[in-house]
């Protein structure tokens, strides 16, 4: 029997169990996401904001924004955050 946890499940479990190293792990994961988001944003000509963990709203997330007016959302990312807006 196996259970698969995504990174947000792991953070939620660490927080819920009051694990003493929760903040250490959260900070390291946020740092890694910031690096990856910066590369992704640069690749598509976007701006990435600082990643943050909000356990009761999406977990570990990073906002992407246009660099200039009238910029369109890259088609390669079209399936991501279907409820979000890019204007």
Protein backbone atom coordinates (compact mmCIF):
# COMPACT_ATOMS: atom_id res chain seq x y z
CA UNK A 1 0.00 0.00 0.00
CA UNK A 2 1.35 3.42 -0.96
CA UNK A 3 0.27 7.02 -0.56
CA UNK A 4 1.70 9.78 -2.74
CA UNK A 5 2.04 13.20 -1.17
CA UNK A 6 2.73 16.32 -3.16
CA UNK A 7 4.90 19.05 -1.67
CA UNK A 8 1.87 20.86 -0.25
CA UNK A 9 0.68 17.67 1.47
CA UNK A 10 4.10 17.31 3.08
CA UNK A 11 4.08 20.92 4.29
CA UNK A 12 0.54 20.57 5.61
CA UNK A 13 1.44 17.38 7.48
CA UNK A 14 4.56 18.96 8.97
CA UNK A 15 2.56 21.98 10.10
CA UNK A 16 -0.39 19.97 11.43
CA UNK A 17 1.93 17.71 13.42
CA UNK A 18 3.77 20.75 14.80
CA UNK A 19 7.03 19.32 13.52
CA UNK A 20 9.95 21.31 14.99
CA UNK A 21 11.64 21.70 11.57
CA UNK A 22 8.53 22.80 9.66
CA UNK A 23 9.87 26.35 9.18
CA UNK A 24 13.25 25.06 7.99
CA UNK A 25 11.64 22.84 5.35
CA UNK A 26 9.12 25.51 4.30
CA UNK A 27 11.89 28.10 3.86
CA UNK A 28 14.03 25.72 1.79
CA UNK A 29 11.11 24.76 -0.44
CA UNK A 30 10.08 28.39 -0.92
CA UNK A 31 13.67 29.21 -1.89
CA UNK A 32 13.72 26.39 -4.46
CA UNK A 33 10.38 27.51 -5.91
CA UNK A 34 11.63 31.10 -6.11
CA UNK A 35 14.63 29.96 -8.16
CA UNK A 36 12.50 27.84 -10.49
CA UNK A 37 9.82 30.53 -10.85
CA UNK A 38 12.44 33.14 -11.70
CA UNK A 39 13.79 30.89 -14.47
CA UNK A 40 10.28 30.14 -15.75
CA UNK A 41 9.33 33.82 -15.74
CA UNK A 42 12.53 34.77 -17.54
CA UNK A 43 11.95 32.07 -20.15
CA UNK A 44 8.46 33.39 -20.95
CA UNK A 45 9.11 37.09 -20.41
CA UNK A 46 7.04 37.29 -17.22
CA UNK A 47 7.56 38.57 -13.71
CA UNK A 48 7.49 36.11 -10.81
CA UNK A 49 6.60 37.34 -7.36
CA UNK A 50 8.04 35.83 -4.19
CA UNK A 51 6.78 32.33 -3.47
CA UNK A 52 4.87 31.89 -0.26
CA UNK A 53 3.12 29.14 1.62
CA UNK A 54 -0.51 29.67 2.57
CA UNK A 55 -1.65 26.26 3.75
CA UNK A 56 -5.37 27.07 3.73
CA UNK A 57 -5.19 28.53 0.19
CA UNK A 58 -3.27 26.52 -2.36
CA UNK A 59 -0.18 25.73 -0.32
CA UNK A 60 3.17 26.77 -1.79
CA UNK A 61 2.42 29.15 -4.67
CA UNK A 62 4.02 31.89 -6.72
CA UNK A 63 2.20 34.59 -8.69
CA UNK A 64 3.20 35.30 -12.28
CA UNK A 65 2.48 38.69 -13.82
CA UNK A 66 2.90 40.33 -17.20
CA UNK A 67 5.92 42.57 -17.72
CA UNK A 68 4.00 45.02 -19.92
CA UNK A 69 0.43 45.96 -20.89
CA UNK A 70 -1.33 43.81 -23.47
CA UNK A 71 1.01 40.91 -22.85
CA UNK A 72 -0.68 37.55 -23.39
CA UNK A 73 -0.39 34.48 -21.20
CA UNK A 74 2.00 31.97 -22.83
CA UNK A 75 0.11 29.12 -24.51
CA UNK A 76 2.44 26.58 -22.87
CA UNK A 77 1.03 27.65 -19.48
CA UNK A 78 -2.62 27.92 -20.56
CA UNK A 79 -3.83 24.94 -18.50
CA UNK A 80 -2.38 26.33 -15.26
CA UNK A 81 -4.62 28.23 -12.80
CA UNK A 82 -7.69 28.30 -15.07
CA UNK A 83 -9.49 30.64 -12.66
CA UNK A 84 -6.67 33.18 -12.57
CA UNK A 85 -6.48 36.31 -14.68
CA UNK A 86 -3.56 37.74 -16.58
CA UNK A 87 -4.41 41.35 -17.12
